[in-house]
Amino acid sequence: MESFGSYLKGIREEKGKTLEDISASTKIAQTNLDLLEKDRYDLLPPIVFVKGFVRSYAKELGLDAEETVKALENFFSTTHTQNYNDDKPLIPVEEGAHGLSFVQNIWFTRILTAAGLLSLLILILTGVSRVFLEDDGKPKNSPNSSGFSLSAQSSRTNKSQTALTTVQPSSTGKKVLEIKAIANAWVRVEPDSGPAEEIIMSPGDIQVFTAKNSFRVITGNAGGIRLRFDGRVMPVLGKSNQTLALTLP
């Protein structure tokens, strides 16, 4: 039996499109598209997001989006894929003072917990190495007034550091969102004035985004990130490994 991922890949190749083409038009990370075609659902975000990926992918290939989603569900049922047969929607709980909507997903919690355990040894060794390097006389980074470090070890390091030191909401007229990771976290940011971005953050990483008025943020580890929106530090978003969707402001 042909897998669902192979089915999508076959149609894509028939139409002469590459994963890079699909990613550019749908704004879905190329890594997620590749995992989808390889049927690696254990490494993808929760099913509610995967179905969104499939709808966008199907439209780009000229397929009926809802029929393609049904094909995905049928594949799950016939292959007895666990934790994907039940579509668990984002269910908001009581809104707090800042209007944050929280959702929980057991599958994603298990995946992130396993990832945290696997990376624990590396993080400990890295931390020890940094202590020795700093004790040898290398300058230490000083945190700013709100506790955000100005060093971000990610693909957007230079951009983040520049933004943290030069972008001021009051002078630019744009809304600024800073995200700092204190644990491994998957994050999707959707600004109202630009393309969405999906990133995997490691402890210590900082990402800076700008928008005209607002952002929508989705993460699989609410307790693993800290936000500063338009110069204001947000409260802790939720528990460790809790899936979260919120809109700012």
Protein backbone atom coordinates (compact mmCIF):
# COMPACT_ATOMS: atom_id res chain seq x y z
CA MET A 1 0.00 0.00 0.00
CA GLU A 2 1.33 3.40 -0.99
CA SER A 3 1.91 5.70 1.96
CA PHE A 4 0.31 9.11 2.17
CA GLY A 5 3.68 10.84 2.00
CA SER A 6 4.66 8.90 -1.12
CA TYR A 7 1.33 9.85 -2.68
CA LEU A 8 2.01 13.58 -2.18
CA LYS A 9 5.60 13.25 -3.35
CA GLY A 10 4.54 11.44 -6.53
CA ILE A 11 2.05 14.15 -7.50
CA ARG A 12 4.57 16.89 -6.70
CA GLU A 13 7.19 15.29 -8.92
CA GLU A 14 4.65 14.77 -11.72
CA LYS A 15 3.98 18.50 -11.67
CA GLY A 16 7.71 19.28 -11.76
CA LYS A 17 7.76 21.08 -8.41
CA THR A 18 10.48 20.89 -5.76
CA LEU A 19 10.07 21.02 -2.00
CA GLU A 20 11.69 24.44 -2.13
CA ASP A 21 8.97 25.61 -4.55
CA ILE A 22 6.21 24.33 -2.27
CA SER A 23 7.83 25.85 0.81
CA ALA A 24 8.18 29.26 -0.86
CA SER A 25 4.52 29.38 -1.92
CA THR A 26 2.92 27.88 1.20
CA LYS A 27 5.31 29.39 3.81
CA ILE A 28 5.65 25.92 5.38
CA ALA A 29 9.17 25.05 6.52
CA GLN A 30 10.88 22.78 3.98
CA THR A 31 11.90 20.46 6.82
CA ASN A 32 8.24 19.87 7.71
CA LEU A 33 7.35 19.17 4.08
CA ASP A 34 10.17 16.63 3.85
CA LEU A 35 9.01 14.91 7.05
CA LEU A 36 5.45 14.83 5.69
CA GLU A 37 6.56 13.09 2.50
CA LYS A 38 8.56 10.58 4.56
CA ASP A 39 5.56 9.88 6.85
CA ARG A 40 7.60 10.94 9.91
CA TYR A 41 4.57 12.16 11.85
CA ASP A 42 6.40 11.49 15.10
CA LEU A 43 8.67 14.45 14.31
CA LEU A 44 5.93 16.81 13.10
CA PRO A 45 3.82 19.21 15.21
CA PRO A 46 0.40 18.05 16.55
CA ILE A 47 -2.18 16.73 14.05
CA VAL A 48 -4.17 19.99 13.97
CA PHE A 49 -1.12 21.68 12.42
CA VAL A 50 -0.29 18.73 10.15
CA LYS A 51 -3.76 18.94 8.61
CA GLY A 52 -3.14 22.62 7.96
CA PHE A 53 0.10 21.72 6.19
CA VAL A 54 -1.75 19.13 4.08
CA ARG A 55 -4.47 21.60 3.05
CA SER A 56 -1.91 24.16 1.89
CA TYR A 57 0.18 21.48 0.15
CA ALA A 58 -2.89 20.07 -1.63
CA LYS A 59 -4.00 23.48 -2.91
CA GLU A 60 -0.51 24.15 -4.28
CA LEU A 61 -0.67 20.84 -6.19
CA GLY A 62 -4.15 21.59 -7.53
CA LEU A 63 -5.83 18.93 -5.36
CA ASP A 64 -9.02 19.18 -3.35
CA ALA A 65 -7.85 20.19 0.14
CA GLU A 66 -10.58 18.45 2.14
CA GLU A 67 -10.39 15.24 0.11
CA THR A 68 -6.64 15.17 0.67
CA VAL A 69 -7.11 15.58 4.43
CA LYS A 70 -9.58 12.66 4.34
CA ALA A 71 -6.94 10.60 2.55
CA LEU A 72 -4.54 11.41 5.40
CA GLU A 73 -7.10 10.30 7.99
CA ASN A 74 -7.76 7.09 6.07
CA PHE A 75 -4.02 6.40 5.98
CA PHE A 76 -3.87 6.80 9.77
CA SER A 77 -6.80 4.44 10.32
CA THR A 78 -5.60 1.72 7.94
CA THR A 79 -2.02 1.78 9.23
CA HIS A 80 -3.13 2.03 12.89
CA THR A 81 -1.01 5.11 13.40
CA GLN A 82 -1.31 5.99 17.08
CA ASN A 83 -2.30 9.39 18.46
CA TYR A 84 -3.42 10.71 15.08
CA ASN A 85 -6.91 9.30 14.69
CA ASP A 86 -8.41 11.74 17.16
CA ASP A 87 -8.33 15.31 15.96
CA LYS A 88 -7.85 17.31 19.15
CA PRO A 89 -8.65 20.97 18.39
CA LEU A 90 -7.16 23.91 20.21
CA ILE A 91 -9.36 24.22 23.32
CA PRO A 92 -9.00 27.52 25.19
CA VAL A 93 -9.11 27.53 28.97
CA GLU A 94 -10.02 30.43 31.20
CA GLU A 95 -8.46 33.62 29.95
CA GLY A 96 -6.12 35.30 32.38
CA ALA A 97 -5.35 38.95 32.76
CA HIS A 98 -3.51 39.01 29.47
CA GLY A 99 -6.02 37.02 27.41
CA LEU A 100 -3.79 34.00 26.69
CA SER A 101 -5.46 30.85 25.31
CA PHE A 102 -3.82 27.54 26.28
CA VAL A 103 -4.16 24.06 24.82
CA GLN A 104 -2.66 20.73 25.80
CA ASN A 105 -1.53 17.85 23.64
CA ILE A 106 -0.23 14.64 25.28
CA TRP A 107 1.58 13.42 22.16
CA PHE A 108 3.55 16.63 21.72
CA THR A 109 4.35 16.65 25.42
CA ARG A 110 5.90 13.19 25.18
CA ILE A 111 7.93 14.09 22.10
CA LEU A 112 9.36 17.26 23.65
CA THR A 113 10.07 15.48 26.93
CA ALA A 114 12.02 12.79 25.08
CA ALA A 115 13.92 15.45 23.12
CA GLY A 116 14.78 17.25 26.35
CA LEU A 117 16.16 14.09 27.92
CA LEU A 118 18.26 13.28 24.86
CA SER A 119 19.78 16.76 24.79
CA LEU A 120 20.35 17.05 28.54
CA LEU A 121 23.87 15.63 28.48
CA ILE A 122 24.91 17.94 25.63
CA LEU A 123 23.51 20.97 27.45
CA ILE A 124 25.38 20.08 30.65
CA LEU A 125 28.68 19.62 28.81
CA THR A 126 28.16 22.88 26.93
CA GLY A 127 27.45 24.74 30.16
CA VAL A 128 30.58 23.39 31.83
CA SER A 129 32.68 24.37 28.82
CA ARG A 130 31.33 27.91 28.93
CA VAL A 131 32.16 28.25 32.62
CA PHE A 132 35.78 27.24 32.00
CA LEU A 133 36.08 29.60 29.03
CA GLU A 134 34.67 32.52 31.02
CA ASP A 135 36.94 31.78 33.98
CA ASP A 136 39.93 31.94 31.62
CA GLY A 137 39.29 35.62 31.09
CA LYS A 138 36.81 35.81 28.25
CA PRO A 139 34.19 38.53 28.75
CA LYS A 140 30.76 37.45 29.93
CA ASN A 141 27.58 38.75 28.35
CA SER A 142 25.63 41.04 30.63
CA PRO A 143 21.84 40.68 30.67
CA ASN A 144 19.72 43.76 30.01
CA SER A 145 17.24 45.18 32.46
CA SER A 146 14.47 42.66 31.70
CA GLY A 147 16.67 39.57 31.91
CA PHE A 148 17.04 38.87 28.18
CA SER A 149 20.56 37.88 27.12
CA LEU A 150 21.97 39.71 24.13
CA SER A 151 23.58 36.55 22.71
CA ALA A 152 21.41 34.25 20.56
CA GLN A 153 22.92 31.04 19.25
CA SER A 154 20.72 30.49 16.22
CA SER A 155 20.58 31.08 12.49
CA ARG A 156 19.29 34.59 13.14
CA THR A 157 21.91 35.61 15.76
CA ASN A 158 23.14 38.81 14.14
CA LYS A 159 19.64 39.95 13.30
CA SER A 160 18.46 39.30 16.86
CA GLN A 161 21.36 41.10 18.51
CA THR A 162 20.98 44.14 16.27
CA ALA A 163 17.27 44.34 16.92
CA LEU A 164 17.64 44.04 20.66
CA THR A 165 20.03 46.94 20.84
CA THR A 166 18.58 49.27 18.22
CA VAL A 167 14.84 48.66 17.66
CA GLN A 168 12.66 50.80 19.89
CA PRO A 169 8.87 50.51 19.41
CA SER A 170 8.28 54.14 20.26
CA SER A 171 10.58 55.38 17.49
CA THR A 172 9.89 52.88 14.70
CA GLY A 173 6.11 52.70 14.93
CA LYS A 174 6.28 48.90 14.61
CA LYS A 175 5.42 46.27 17.16
CA VAL A 176 8.43 44.27 18.34
CA LEU A 177 8.27 40.74 19.71
CA GLU A 178 11.27 39.15 21.39
CA ILE A 179 11.25 35.42 22.20
CA LYS A 180 13.85 33.86 24.48
CA ALA A 181 14.08 30.08 24.92
CA ILE A 182 14.88 28.62 28.33
CA ALA A 183 14.24 25.07 27.05
CA ASN A 184 13.91 23.32 23.70
CA ALA A 185 10.81 24.67 21.96
CA TRP A 186 9.06 24.63 18.59
CA VAL A 187 7.64 28.08 17.77
CA ARG A 188 5.59 29.48 14.88
CA VAL A 189 5.24 33.27 14.61
CA GLU A 190 2.69 34.89 12.27
CA PRO A 191 3.13 38.69 12.03
CA ASP A 192 0.28 40.65 10.45
CA SER A 193 2.67 42.33 8.00
CA GLY A 194 4.91 39.52 6.79
CA PRO A 195 5.35 35.78 6.23
CA ALA A 196 5.04 33.27 9.05
CA GLU A 197 8.21 31.70 10.44
CA GLU A 198 8.70 28.30 12.11
CA ILE A 199 11.76 27.74 14.26
CA ILE A 200 13.19 25.19 16.67
CA MET A 201 14.76 27.05 19.59
CA SER A 202 17.36 25.82 22.06
CA PRO A 203 18.00 27.16 25.58
CA GLY A 204 19.55 30.62 25.37
CA ASP A 205 18.32 31.37 21.83
CA ILE A 206 16.67 34.74 21.21
CA GLN A 207 14.55 35.65 18.18
CA VAL A 208 13.22 39.11 17.35
CA PHE A 209 10.24 39.80 15.07
CA THR A 210 8.46 42.95 13.90
CA ALA A 211 4.90 43.52 12.76
CA LYS A 212 2.65 46.41 11.88
CA ASN A 213 0.13 45.80 14.66
CA SER A 214 -0.07 42.21 15.91
CA PHE A 215 1.37 38.70 16.09
CA ARG A 216 -0.05 35.19 16.39
CA VAL A 217 2.27 32.84 18.25
CA ILE A 218 2.01 29.04 18.45
CA THR A 219 4.40 26.91 20.48
CA GLY A 220 4.69 23.37 21.73
CA ASN A 221 6.39 24.36 25.00
CA ALA A 222 4.66 27.30 26.69
CA GLY A 223 6.85 27.03 29.76
CA GLY A 224 10.03 26.89 27.70
CA ILE A 225 9.91 30.41 26.23
CA ARG A 226 9.69 33.97 27.53
CA LEU A 227 8.18 36.86 25.57
CA ARG A 228 8.73 40.61 25.53
CA PHE A 229 6.12 42.40 23.44
CA ASP A 230 6.56 46.04 22.44
CA GLY A 231 9.00 46.58 25.32
CA ARG A 232 6.81 44.88 27.93
CA VAL A 233 7.85 41.57 29.50
CA MET A 234 4.97 39.09 29.37
CA PRO A 235 4.13 36.76 32.27
CA VAL A 236 5.07 33.08 32.10
CA LEU A 237 2.85 31.63 29.37
CA GLY A 238 2.13 28.20 30.79
CA LYS A 239 3.51 24.86 31.87
CA SER A 240 6.50 23.04 30.45
CA ASN A 241 5.66 21.15 27.23
CA GLN A 242 2.18 22.72 27.07
CA THR A 243 0.93 23.59 23.59
CA LEU A 244 -0.13 27.23 23.31
CA ALA A 245 -1.76 29.55 20.80
CA LEU A 246 -2.07 33.27 21.51
CA THR A 247 -2.55 36.57 19.71
CA LEU A 248 -0.70 39.77 20.67
CA PRO A 249 -1.81 42.29 21.62
